PDB file of all heavy atoms in Angstrom:
ATOM      1  N   GLU A   1      -0.907 -69.749  16.513  1.00  0.00           N
ATOM      2  CA  GLU A   1      -0.459 -70.691  15.578  1.00  0.00           C
ATOM      3  C   GLU A   1      -0.484 -69.980  14.178  1.00  0.00           C
ATOM      4  O   GLU A   1      -1.561 -69.387  13.871  1.00  0.00           O
ATOM      5  CB  GLU A   1      -1.449 -71.880  15.677  1.00  0.00           C
ATOM      6  CG  GLU A   1      -1.027 -73.086  14.735  1.00  0.00           C
ATOM      7  CD  GLU A   1      -2.060 -74.154  14.823  1.00  0.00           C
ATOM      8  OE1 GLU A   1      -3.181 -73.958  15.407  1.00  0.00           O
ATOM      9  OE2 GLU A   1      -1.689 -75.294  14.492  1.00  0.00           O
ATOM     10  N   THR A   2       0.552 -70.126  13.505  1.00  0.00           N
ATOM     11  CA  THR A   2       0.543 -69.458  12.246  1.00  0.00           C
ATOM     12  C   THR A   2       0.147 -70.408  11.125  1.00  0.00           C
ATOM     13  O   THR A   2       0.263 -71.672  11.244  1.00  0.00           O
ATOM     14  CB  THR A   2       2.005 -68.903  11.813  1.00  0.00           C
ATOM     15  OG1 THR A   2       2.913 -69.946  11.574  1.00  0.00           O
ATOM     16  CG2 THR A   2       2.447 -68.012  12.990  1.00  0.00           C
ATOM     17  N   PRO A   3      -0.166 -69.914   9.838  1.00  0.00           N
ATOM     18  CA  PRO A   3      -0.593 -70.865   8.803  1.00  0.00           C
ATOM     19  C   PRO A   3       0.724 -71.446   8.168  1.00  0.00           C
ATOM     20  O   PRO A   3       0.566 -72.287   7.350  1.00  0.00           O
ATOM     21  CB  PRO A   3      -1.313 -69.945   7.841  1.00  0.00           C
ATOM     22  CG  PRO A   3      -0.891 -68.679   8.096  1.00  0.00           C
ATOM     23  CD  PRO A   3      -0.550 -68.581   9.643  1.00  0.00           C
ATOM     24  N   PHE A   4       1.881 -70.977   8.651  1.00  0.00           N
ATOM     25  CA  PHE A   4       3.170 -71.479   8.071  1.00  0.00           C
ATOM     26  C   PHE A   4       3.553 -72.724   8.756  1.00  0.00           C
ATOM     27  O   PHE A   4       3.192 -73.018   9.837  1.00  0.00           O
ATOM     28  CB  PHE A   4       4.228 -70.330   8.194  1.00  0.00           C
ATOM     29  CG  PHE A   4       3.729 -69.069   7.553  1.00  0.00           C
ATOM     30  CD1 PHE A   4       3.541 -67.915   8.455  1.00  0.00           C
ATOM     31  CD2 PHE A   4       3.543 -68.891   6.212  1.00  0.00           C
ATOM     32  CE1 PHE A   4       3.092 -66.793   7.947  1.00  0.00           C
ATOM     33  CE2 PHE A   4       3.092 -67.729   5.733  1.00  0.00           C
ATOM     34  CZ  PHE A   4       2.895 -66.685   6.618  1.00  0.00           C
ATOM     35  N   SER A   5       4.433 -73.392   8.086  1.00  0.00           N
ATOM     36  CA  SER A   5       5.023 -74.529   8.717  1.00  0.00           C
ATOM     37  C   SER A   5       6.475 -74.744   8.286  1.00  0.00           C
ATOM     38  O   SER A   5       6.904 -74.125   7.378  1.00  0.00           O
ATOM     39  CB  SER A   5       4.263 -75.885   8.405  1.00  0.00           C
ATOM     40  OG  SER A   5       4.269 -76.094   6.967  1.00  0.00           O
ATOM     41  N   SER A   6       7.183 -75.550   9.109  1.00  0.00           N
ATOM     42  CA  SER A   6       8.608 -75.950   8.743  1.00  0.00           C
ATOM     43  C   SER A   6       8.608 -77.390   8.516  1.00  0.00           C
ATOM     44  O   SER A   6       7.739 -78.225   8.880  1.00  0.00           O
ATOM     45  CB  SER A   6       9.479 -75.487   9.806  1.00  0.00           C
ATOM     46  OG  SER A   6       9.301 -76.312  10.934  1.00  0.00           O
ATOM     47  N   ILE A   7       9.639 -77.841   7.945  1.00  0.00           N
ATOM     48  CA  ILE A   7       9.712 -79.379   7.643  1.00  0.00           C
ATOM     49  C   ILE A   7      10.724 -79.973   8.628  1.00  0.00           C
ATOM     50  O   ILE A   7      11.863 -79.538   8.779  1.00  0.00           O
ATOM     51  CB  ILE A   7      10.281 -79.563   6.180  1.00  0.00           C
ATOM     52  CG1 ILE A   7       9.209 -78.908   5.201  1.00  0.00           C
ATOM     53  CG2 ILE A   7      10.440 -81.027   5.907  1.00  0.00           C
ATOM     54  CD1 ILE A   7       9.733 -79.035   3.742  1.00  0.00           C
ATOM     55  N   ASP A   8      10.146 -81.000   9.262  1.00  0.00           N
ATOM     56  CA  ASP A   8      10.926 -81.778  10.253  1.00  0.00           C
ATOM     57  C   ASP A   8      11.737 -82.874   9.328  1.00  0.00           C
ATOM     58  O   ASP A   8      10.999 -83.743   8.748  1.00  0.00           O
ATOM     59  CB  ASP A   8      10.017 -82.490  11.233  1.00  0.00           C
ATOM     60  CG  ASP A   8      10.698 -83.393  12.060  1.00  0.00           C
ATOM     61  OD1 ASP A   8      11.961 -83.605  11.942  1.00  0.00           O
ATOM     62  OD2 ASP A   8      10.030 -83.997  13.124  1.00  0.00           O
ATOM     63  N   THR A   9      13.031 -82.652   9.133  1.00  0.00           N
ATOM     64  CA  THR A   9      13.747 -83.491   8.265  1.00  0.00           C
ATOM     65  C   THR A   9      13.807 -84.926   8.693  1.00  0.00           C
ATOM     66  O   THR A   9      13.852 -85.842   7.973  1.00  0.00           O
ATOM     67  CB  THR A   9      15.141 -82.883   8.055  1.00  0.00           C
ATOM     68  OG1 THR A   9      15.789 -82.681   9.263  1.00  0.00           O
ATOM     69  CG2 THR A   9      15.108 -81.623   7.263  1.00  0.00           C
ATOM     70  N   GLN A  10      13.836 -85.155  10.022  1.00  0.00           N
ATOM     71  CA  GLN A  10      13.859 -86.576  10.513  1.00  0.00           C
ATOM     72  C   GLN A  10      12.590 -87.202  10.239  1.00  0.00           C
ATOM     73  O   GLN A  10      12.660 -88.395   9.769  1.00  0.00           O
ATOM     74  CB  GLN A  10      14.143 -86.498  12.020  1.00  0.00           C
ATOM     75  CG  GLN A  10      15.512 -86.024  12.358  1.00  0.00           C
ATOM     76  CD  GLN A  10      15.679 -86.147  13.902  1.00  0.00           C
ATOM     77  OE1 GLN A  10      14.751 -85.918  14.701  1.00  0.00           O
ATOM     78  NE2 GLN A  10      17.001 -86.136  14.323  1.00  0.00           N
ATOM     79  N   ASN A  11      11.505 -86.632  10.363  1.00  0.00           N
ATOM     80  CA  ASN A  11      10.213 -87.335  10.173  1.00  0.00           C
ATOM     81  C   ASN A  11       9.491 -87.073   8.882  1.00  0.00           C
ATOM     82  O   ASN A  11       8.441 -87.537   8.575  1.00  0.00           O
ATOM     83  CB  ASN A  11       9.062 -87.046  11.422  1.00  0.00           C
ATOM     84  CG  ASN A  11       9.711 -87.443  12.670  1.00  0.00           C
ATOM     85  OD1 ASN A  11      10.390 -88.479  12.830  1.00  0.00           O
ATOM     86  ND2 ASN A  11       9.335 -86.666  13.785  1.00  0.00           N
ATOM     87  N   ARG A  12      10.195 -86.178   8.184  1.00  0.00           N
ATOM     88  CA  ARG A  12       9.585 -85.687   6.876  1.00  0.00           C
ATOM     89  C   ARG A  12       8.225 -85.324   6.994  1.00  0.00           C
ATOM     90  O   ARG A  12       7.387 -85.744   6.148  1.00  0.00           O
ATOM     91  CB  ARG A  12       9.873 -86.817   5.836  1.00  0.00           C
ATOM     92  CG  ARG A  12      11.277 -87.121   5.625  1.00  0.00           C
ATOM     93  CD  ARG A  12      11.515 -88.092   4.542  1.00  0.00           C
ATOM     94  NE  ARG A  12      12.855 -88.560   4.407  1.00  0.00           N
ATOM     95  CZ  ARG A  12      13.600 -88.301   3.350  1.00  0.00           C
ATOM     96  NH1 ARG A  12      13.121 -87.673   2.295  1.00  0.00           N
ATOM     97  NH2 ARG A  12      14.875 -88.535   3.347  1.00  0.00           N
ATOM     98  N   GLN A  13       7.861 -84.424   7.797  1.00  0.00           N
ATOM     99  CA  GLN A  13       6.567 -83.946   7.943  1.00  0.00           C
ATOM    100  C   GLN A  13       6.494 -82.412   8.233  1.00  0.00           C
ATOM    101  O   GLN A  13       7.479 -81.891   8.679  1.00  0.00           O
ATOM    102  CB  GLN A  13       5.749 -84.661   9.093  1.00  0.00           C
ATOM    103  CG  GLN A  13       6.278 -84.353  10.488  1.00  0.00           C
ATOM    104  CD  GLN A  13       5.575 -85.335  11.499  1.00  0.00           C
ATOM    105  OE1 GLN A  13       5.062 -86.282  11.182  1.00  0.00           O
ATOM    106  NE2 GLN A  13       5.502 -84.750  12.703  1.00  0.00           N
ATOM    107  N   HIS A  14       5.412 -81.765   7.990  1.00  0.00           N
ATOM    108  CA  HIS A  14       5.379 -80.402   8.174  1.00  0.00           C
ATOM    109  C   HIS A  14       4.968 -80.115   9.625  1.00  0.00           C
ATOM    110  O   HIS A  14       4.183 -80.892  10.287  1.00  0.00           O
ATOM    111  CB  HIS A  14       4.294 -79.764   7.319  1.00  0.00           C
ATOM    112  CG  HIS A  14       4.814 -79.577   5.900  1.00  0.00           C
ATOM    113  ND1 HIS A  14       5.522 -78.602   5.443  1.00  0.00           N
ATOM    114  CD2 HIS A  14       4.634 -80.437   4.866  1.00  0.00           C
ATOM    115  CE1 HIS A  14       5.841 -78.725   4.173  1.00  0.00           C
ATOM    116  NE2 HIS A  14       5.222 -79.835   3.836  1.00  0.00           N
ATOM    117  N   THR A  15       5.466 -79.164  10.343  1.00  0.00           N
ATOM    118  CA  THR A  15       5.221 -78.791  11.746  1.00  0.00           C
ATOM    119  C   THR A  15       4.828 -77.333  11.715  1.00  0.00           C
ATOM    120  O   THR A  15       5.375 -76.514  11.181  1.00  0.00           O
ATOM    121  CB  THR A  15       6.444 -78.921  12.514  1.00  0.00           C
ATOM    122  OG1 THR A  15       7.130 -80.100  12.130  1.00  0.00           O
ATOM    123  CG2 THR A  15       5.950 -79.042  13.989  1.00  0.00           C
ATOM    124  N   LYS A  16       3.740 -77.033  12.497  1.00  0.00           N
ATOM    125  CA  LYS A  16       3.192 -75.702  12.515  1.00  0.00           C
ATOM    126  C   LYS A  16       4.142 -74.777  13.233  1.00  0.00           C
ATOM    127  O   LYS A  16       4.879 -75.222  14.210  1.00  0.00           O
ATOM    128  CB  LYS A  16       1.770 -75.728  13.366  1.00  0.00           C
ATOM    129  CG  LYS A  16       0.680 -76.329  12.542  1.00  0.00           C
ATOM    130  CD  LYS A  16       0.270 -75.436  11.460  1.00  0.00           C
ATOM    131  CE  LYS A  16      -1.012 -76.017  10.888  1.00  0.00           C
ATOM    132  NZ  LYS A  16      -1.600 -75.159   9.919  1.00  0.00           N
ATOM    133  N   LEU A  17       4.181 -73.532  12.914  1.00  0.00           N
ATOM    134  CA  LEU A  17       4.998 -72.519  13.649  1.00  0.00           C
ATOM    135  C   LEU A  17       4.109 -71.630  14.437  1.00  0.00           C
ATOM    136  O   LEU A  17       2.833 -71.397  14.186  1.00  0.00           O
ATOM    137  CB  LEU A  17       5.599 -71.638  12.554  1.00  0.00           C
ATOM    138  CG  LEU A  17       6.671 -72.316  11.696  1.00  0.00           C
ATOM    139  CD1 LEU A  17       7.229 -71.473  10.743  1.00  0.00           C
ATOM    140  CD2 LEU A  17       7.852 -72.860  12.570  1.00  0.00           C
ATOM    141  N   TRP A  18       4.503 -71.333  15.582  1.00  0.00           N
ATOM    142  CA  TRP A  18       3.846 -70.516  16.639  1.00  0.00           C
ATOM    143  C   TRP A  18       4.661 -69.155  16.795  1.00  0.00           C
ATOM    144  O   TRP A  18       5.776 -69.105  16.747  1.00  0.00           O
ATOM    145  CB  TRP A  18       3.763 -71.124  17.998  1.00  0.00           C
ATOM    146  CG  TRP A  18       2.805 -72.335  17.973  1.00  0.00           C
ATOM    147  CD1 TRP A  18       2.964 -73.552  17.352  1.00  0.00           C
ATOM    148  CD2 TRP A  18       1.494 -72.304  18.598  1.00  0.00           C
ATOM    149  NE1 TRP A  18       1.832 -74.254  17.496  1.00  0.00           N
ATOM    150  CE2 TRP A  18       0.979 -73.595  18.342  1.00  0.00           C
ATOM    151  CE3 TRP A  18       0.794 -71.375  19.307  1.00  0.00           C
ATOM    152  CZ2 TRP A  18      -0.305 -74.000  18.760  1.00  0.00           C
ATOM    153  CZ3 TRP A  18      -0.481 -71.713  19.710  1.00  0.00           C
ATOM    154  CH2 TRP A  18      -1.076 -73.001  19.483  1.00  0.00           C
ATOM    155  N   MET A  19       3.967 -68.017  16.973  1.00  0.00           N
ATOM    156  CA  MET A  19       4.493 -66.752  17.192  1.00  0.00           C
ATOM    157  C   MET A  19       4.056 -66.244  18.487  1.00  0.00           C
ATOM    158  O   MET A  19       2.780 -66.293  18.838  1.00  0.00           O
ATOM    159  CB  MET A  19       4.112 -65.742  16.019  1.00  0.00           C
ATOM    160  CG  MET A  19       4.551 -64.400  16.187  1.00  0.00           C
ATOM    161  SD  MET A  19       6.338 -64.329  15.814  1.00  0.00           S
ATOM    162  CE  MET A  19       6.359 -64.204  14.096  1.00  0.00           C
ATOM    163  N   SER A  20       4.989 -65.664  19.208  1.00  0.00           N
ATOM    164  CA  SER A  20       4.697 -64.957  20.503  1.00  0.00           C
ATOM    165  C   SER A  20       4.467 -63.470  20.219  1.00  0.00           C
ATOM    166  O   SER A  20       5.255 -62.852  19.582  1.00  0.00           O
ATOM    167  CB  SER A  20       5.853 -65.161  21.394  1.00  0.00           C
ATOM    168  OG  SER A  20       5.813 -64.293  22.483  1.00  0.00           O
ATOM    169  N   PHE A  21       3.471 -62.958  20.881  1.00  0.00           N
ATOM    170  CA  PHE A  21       3.225 -61.466  20.762  1.00  0.00           C
ATOM    171  C   PHE A  21       4.274 -60.703  21.570  1.00  0.00           C
ATOM    172  O   PHE A  21       4.601 -59.654  21.291  1.00  0.00           O
ATOM    173  CB  PHE A  21       1.746 -61.110  21.235  1.00  0.00           C
ATOM    174  CG  PHE A  21       0.702 -61.164  20.263  1.00  0.00           C
ATOM    175  CD1 PHE A  21      -0.049 -62.252  19.989  1.00  0.00           C
ATOM    176  CD2 PHE A  21       0.637 -59.979  19.396  1.00  0.00           C
ATOM    177  CE1 PHE A  21      -0.978 -62.230  19.064  1.00  0.00           C
ATOM    178  CE2 PHE A  21      -0.409 -59.960  18.391  1.00  0.00           C
ATOM    179  CZ  PHE A  21      -1.204 -61.134  18.189  1.00  0.00           C
ATOM    180  N   ILE A  22       4.705 -61.345  22.698  1.00  0.00           N
ATOM    181  CA  ILE A  22       5.636 -60.667  23.526  1.00  0.00           C
ATOM    182  C   ILE A  22       7.088 -60.552  22.955  1.00  0.00           C
ATOM    183  O   ILE A  22       7.658 -59.492  22.911  1.00  0.00           O
ATOM    184  CB  ILE A  22       5.681 -61.239  24.984  1.00  0.00           C
ATOM    185  CG1 ILE A  22       4.162 -61.291  25.539  1.00  0.00           C
ATOM    186  CG2 ILE A  22       6.664 -60.627  25.862  1.00  0.00           C
ATOM    187  CD1 ILE A  22       3.584 -59.912  25.662  1.00  0.00           C
ATOM    188  N   ASP A  23       7.637 -61.722  22.689  1.00  0.00           N
ATOM    189  CA  ASP A  23       8.968 -61.693  22.151  1.00  0.00           C
ATOM    190  C   ASP A  23       9.235 -61.789  20.731  1.00  0.00           C
ATOM    191  O   ASP A  23      10.253 -61.602  20.181  1.00  0.00           O
ATOM    192  CB  ASP A  23       9.957 -62.833  23.037  1.00  0.00           C
ATOM    193  CG  ASP A  23       9.406 -64.293  22.632  1.00  0.00           C
ATOM    194  OD1 ASP A  23       8.728 -64.393  21.661  1.00  0.00           O
ATOM    195  OD2 ASP A  23       9.745 -65.121  23.417  1.00  0.00           O
ATOM    196  N   GLY A  24       8.091 -61.971  20.083  1.00  0.00           N
ATOM    197  CA  GLY A  24       8.129 -61.983  18.660  1.00  0.00           C
ATOM    198  C   GLY A  24       8.869 -63.157  17.941  1.00  0.00           C
ATOM    199  O   GLY A  24       9.153 -63.284  16.765  1.00  0.00           O
ATOM    200  N   VAL A  25       9.141 -64.105  18.788  1.00  0.00           N
ATOM    201  CA  VAL A  25       9.941 -65.312  18.300  1.00  0.00           C
ATOM    202  C   VAL A  25       8.949 -66.372  17.739  1.00  0.00           C
ATOM    203  O   VAL A  25       7.877 -66.652  18.231  1.00  0.00           O
ATOM    204  CB  VAL A  25      10.653 -65.881  19.455  1.00  0.00           C
ATOM    205  CG1 VAL A  25      11.381 -67.205  19.040  1.00  0.00           C
ATOM    206  CG2 VAL A  25      11.717 -64.966  19.921  1.00  0.00           C
ATOM    207  N   GLN A  26       9.327 -66.870  16.589  1.00  0.00           N
ATOM    208  CA  GLN A  26       8.520 -67.872  15.946  1.00  0.00           C
ATOM    209  C   GLN A  26       9.171 -69.211  16.140  1.00  0.00           C
ATOM    210  O   GLN A  26      10.387 -69.314  16.037  1.00  0.00           O
ATOM    211  CB  GLN A  26       8.467 -67.612  14.426  1.00  0.00           C
ATOM    212  CG  GLN A  26       7.391 -68.347  13.675  1.00  0.00           C
ATOM    213  CD  GLN A  26       7.294 -67.865  12.233  1.00  0.00           C
ATOM    214  OE1 GLN A  26       8.334 -67.792  11.649  1.00  0.00           O
ATOM    215  NE2 GLN A  26       6.068 -67.677  11.747  1.00  0.00           N
ATOM    216  N   HIS A  27       8.435 -70.192  16.655  1.00  0.00           N
ATOM    217  CA  HIS A  27       9.071 -71.542  16.959  1.00  0.00           C
ATOM    218  C   HIS A  27       8.165 -72.678  16.503  1.00  0.00           C
ATOM    219  O   HIS A  27       7.047 -72.425  16.127  1.00  0.00           O
ATOM    220  CB  HIS A  27       9.353 -71.646  18.424  1.00  0.00           C
ATOM    221  CG  HIS A  27       8.256 -71.513  19.238  1.00  0.00           C
ATOM    222  ND1 HIS A  27       7.387 -72.533  19.546  1.00  0.00           N
ATOM    223  CD2 HIS A  27       7.690 -70.432  19.914  1.00  0.00           C
ATOM    224  CE1 HIS A  27       6.342 -72.171  20.346  1.00  0.00           C
ATOM    225  NE2 HIS A  27       6.571 -70.839  20.576  1.00  0.00           N
ATOM    226  N   THR A  28       8.821 -73.808  16.410  1.00  0.00           N
ATOM    227  CA  THR A  28       8.153 -75.090  16.068  1.00  0.00           C
ATOM    228  C   THR A  28       7.840 -75.783  17.313  1.00  0.00           C
ATOM    229  O   THR A  28       8.278 -75.602  18.439  1.00  0.00           O
ATOM    230  CB  THR A  28       8.928 -75.825  15.115  1.00  0.00           C
ATOM    231  OG1 THR A  28      10.053 -76.398  15.728  1.00  0.00           O
ATOM    232  CG2 THR A  28       9.241 -75.144  13.811  1.00  0.00           C
ATOM    233  N   LEU A  29       7.078 -76.930  17.196  1.00  0.00           N
ATOM    234  CA  LEU A  29       6.807 -77.811  18.288  1.00  0.00           C
ATOM    235  C   LEU A  29       7.538 -79.125  18.157  1.00  0.00           C
ATOM    236  O   LEU A  29       7.094 -80.223  18.558  1.00  0.00           O
ATOM    237  CB  LEU A  29       5.360 -78.055  18.406  1.00  0.00           C
ATOM    238  CG  LEU A  29       4.421 -76.865  18.426  1.00  0.00           C
ATOM    239  CD1 LEU A  29       2.881 -77.301  18.362  1.00  0.00           C
ATOM    240  CD2 LEU A  29       4.663 -76.112  19.613  1.00  0.00           C
ATOM    241  N   LEU A  30       8.734 -79.096  17.643  1.00  0.00           N
ATOM    242  CA  LEU A  30       9.505 -80.276  17.304  1.00  0.00           C
ATOM    243  C   LEU A  30      10.084 -80.911  18.590  1.00  0.00           C
ATOM    244  O   LEU A  30      10.089 -82.102  18.617  1.00  0.00           O
ATOM    245  CB  LEU A  30      10.707 -79.958  16.377  1.00  0.00           C
ATOM    246  CG  LEU A  30      10.320 -79.449  14.945  1.00  0.00           C
ATOM    247  CD1 LEU A  30      11.579 -79.145  14.095  1.00  0.00           C
ATOM    248  CD2 LEU A  30       9.521 -80.489  14.295  1.00  0.00           C
ATOM    249  N   ASP A  31      10.609 -80.125  19.425  1.00  0.00           N
ATOM    250  CA  ASP A  31      11.251 -80.880  20.641  1.00  0.00           C
ATOM    251  C   ASP A  31      10.223 -81.044  21.743  1.00  0.00           C
ATOM    252  O   ASP A  31       9.119 -80.439  21.765  1.00  0.00           O
ATOM    253  CB  ASP A  31      12.435 -79.948  21.118  1.00  0.00           C
ATOM    254  CG  ASP A  31      12.140 -78.598  21.560  1.00  0.00           C
ATOM    255  OD1 ASP A  31      11.029 -78.356  22.096  1.00  0.00           O
ATOM    256  OD2 ASP A  31      12.973 -77.682  21.419  1.00  0.00           O
ATOM    257  N   GLU A  32      10.501 -81.916  22.586  1.00  0.00           N
ATOM    258  CA  GLU A  32       9.657 -82.369  23.766  1.00  0.00           C
ATOM    259  C   GLU A  32       9.253 -81.256  24.646  1.00  0.00           C
ATOM    260  O   GLU A  32       8.101 -81.180  25.117  1.00  0.00           O
ATOM    261  CB  GLU A  32      10.341 -83.491  24.598  1.00  0.00           C
ATOM    262  CG  GLU A  32      10.486 -84.851  23.890  1.00  0.00           C
ATOM    263  CD  GLU A  32       9.159 -85.499  23.573  1.00  0.00           C
ATOM    264  OE1 GLU A  32       8.287 -85.421  24.528  1.00  0.00           O
ATOM    265  OE2 GLU A  32       9.010 -86.105  22.515  1.00  0.00           O
ATOM    266  N   SER A  33      10.175 -80.317  24.832  1.00  0.00           N
ATOM    267  CA  SER A  33       9.828 -79.209  25.755  1.00  0.00           C
ATOM    268  C   SER A  33       8.759 -78.237  25.281  1.00  0.00           C
ATOM    269  O   SER A  33       8.153 -77.477  25.971  1.00  0.00           O
ATOM    270  CB  SER A  33      11.130 -78.377  26.086  1.00  0.00           C
ATOM    271  OG  SER A  33      11.552 -77.748  24.911  1.00  0.00           O
ATOM    272  N   ARG A  34       8.646 -78.286  23.849  1.00  0.00           N
ATOM    273  CA  ARG A  34       7.601 -77.362  23.312  1.00  0.00           C
ATOM    274  C   ARG A  34       6.290 -78.157  22.857  1.00  0.00           C
ATOM    275  O   ARG A  34       5.515 -77.575  22.233  1.00  0.00           O
ATOM    276  CB  ARG A  34       8.233 -76.605  22.084  1.00  0.00           C
ATOM    277  CG  ARG A  34       9.254 -75.689  22.413  1.00  0.00           C
ATOM    278  CD  ARG A  34       9.233 -74.632  21.487  1.00  0.00           C
ATOM    279  NE  ARG A  34      10.266 -73.625  21.726  1.00  0.00           N
ATOM    280  CZ  ARG A  34      10.023 -72.548  22.442  1.00  0.00           C
ATOM    281  NH1 ARG A  34       8.884 -72.198  22.936  1.00  0.00           N
ATOM    282  NH2 ARG A  34      10.991 -71.549  22.609  1.00  0.00           N
ATOM    283  N   CYS A  35       6.175 -79.373  23.257  1.00  0.00           N
ATOM    284  CA  CYS A  35       5.005 -80.153  22.901  1.00  0.00           C
ATOM    285  C   CYS A  35       3.777 -79.548  23.539  1.00  0.00           C
ATOM    286  O   CYS A  35       3.835 -79.275  24.775  1.00  0.00           O
ATOM    287  CB  CYS A  35       5.251 -81.591  23.381  1.00  0.00           C
ATOM    288  SG  CYS A  35       3.807 -82.652  23.034  1.00  0.00           S
ATOM    289  N   LYS A  36       2.781 -79.451  22.747  1.00  0.00           N
ATOM    290  CA  LYS A  36       1.539 -78.791  23.324  1.00  0.00           C
ATOM    291  C   LYS A  36       0.463 -79.852  23.573  1.00  0.00           C
ATOM    292  O   LYS A  36       0.031 -80.457  22.594  1.00  0.00           O
ATOM    293  CB  LYS A  36       1.029 -77.804  22.355  1.00  0.00           C
ATOM    294  CG  LYS A  36       1.937 -76.673  21.927  1.00  0.00           C
ATOM    295  CD  LYS A  36       1.983 -75.702  23.025  1.00  0.00           C
ATOM    296  CE  LYS A  36       2.888 -74.435  22.541  1.00  0.00           C
ATOM    297  NZ  LYS A  36       3.043 -73.504  23.485  1.00  0.00           N
ATOM    298  N   CYS A  37       0.238 -80.086  24.793  1.00  0.00           N
ATOM    299  CA  CYS A  37      -0.882 -81.134  25.188  1.00  0.00           C
ATOM    300  C   CYS A  37      -1.672 -80.434  26.295  1.00  0.00           C
ATOM    301  O   CYS A  37      -1.214 -79.890  27.186  1.00  0.00           O
ATOM    302  CB  CYS A  37      -0.187 -82.339  25.756  1.00  0.00           C
ATOM    303  SG  CYS A  37      -1.403 -83.651  26.105  1.00  0.00           S
ATOM    304  N   TYR A  38      -3.013 -80.408  26.081  1.00  0.00           N
ATOM    305  CA  TYR A  38      -3.953 -79.735  26.812  1.00  0.00           C
ATOM    306  C   TYR A  38      -5.017 -80.755  27.314  1.00  0.00           C
ATOM    307  O   TYR A  38      -5.046 -81.827  26.748  1.00  0.00           O
ATOM    308  CB  TYR A  38      -4.650 -78.594  26.139  1.00  0.00           C
ATOM    309  CG  TYR A  38      -3.665 -77.631  25.443  1.00  0.00           C
ATOM    310  CD1 TYR A  38      -3.196 -77.879  24.102  1.00  0.00           C
ATOM    311  CD2 TYR A  38      -3.151 -76.462  26.168  1.00  0.00           C
ATOM    312  CE1 TYR A  38      -2.224 -77.018  23.560  1.00  0.00           C
ATOM    313  CE2 TYR A  38      -2.264 -75.583  25.546  1.00  0.00           C
ATOM    314  CZ  TYR A  38      -1.839 -75.828  24.310  1.00  0.00           C
ATOM    315  OH  TYR A  38      -0.951 -74.929  23.674  1.00  0.00           O
TER     316      TYR A  38
END
């Protein structure tokens, strides 16, 4: 989890960005498929 965030324009809130060590892709948890629940 990075200290950076993006803005969800629909909900007007900040969302954390995650970075993968393997593919180097940074993504948000905005869509259902990326929801993190443990």
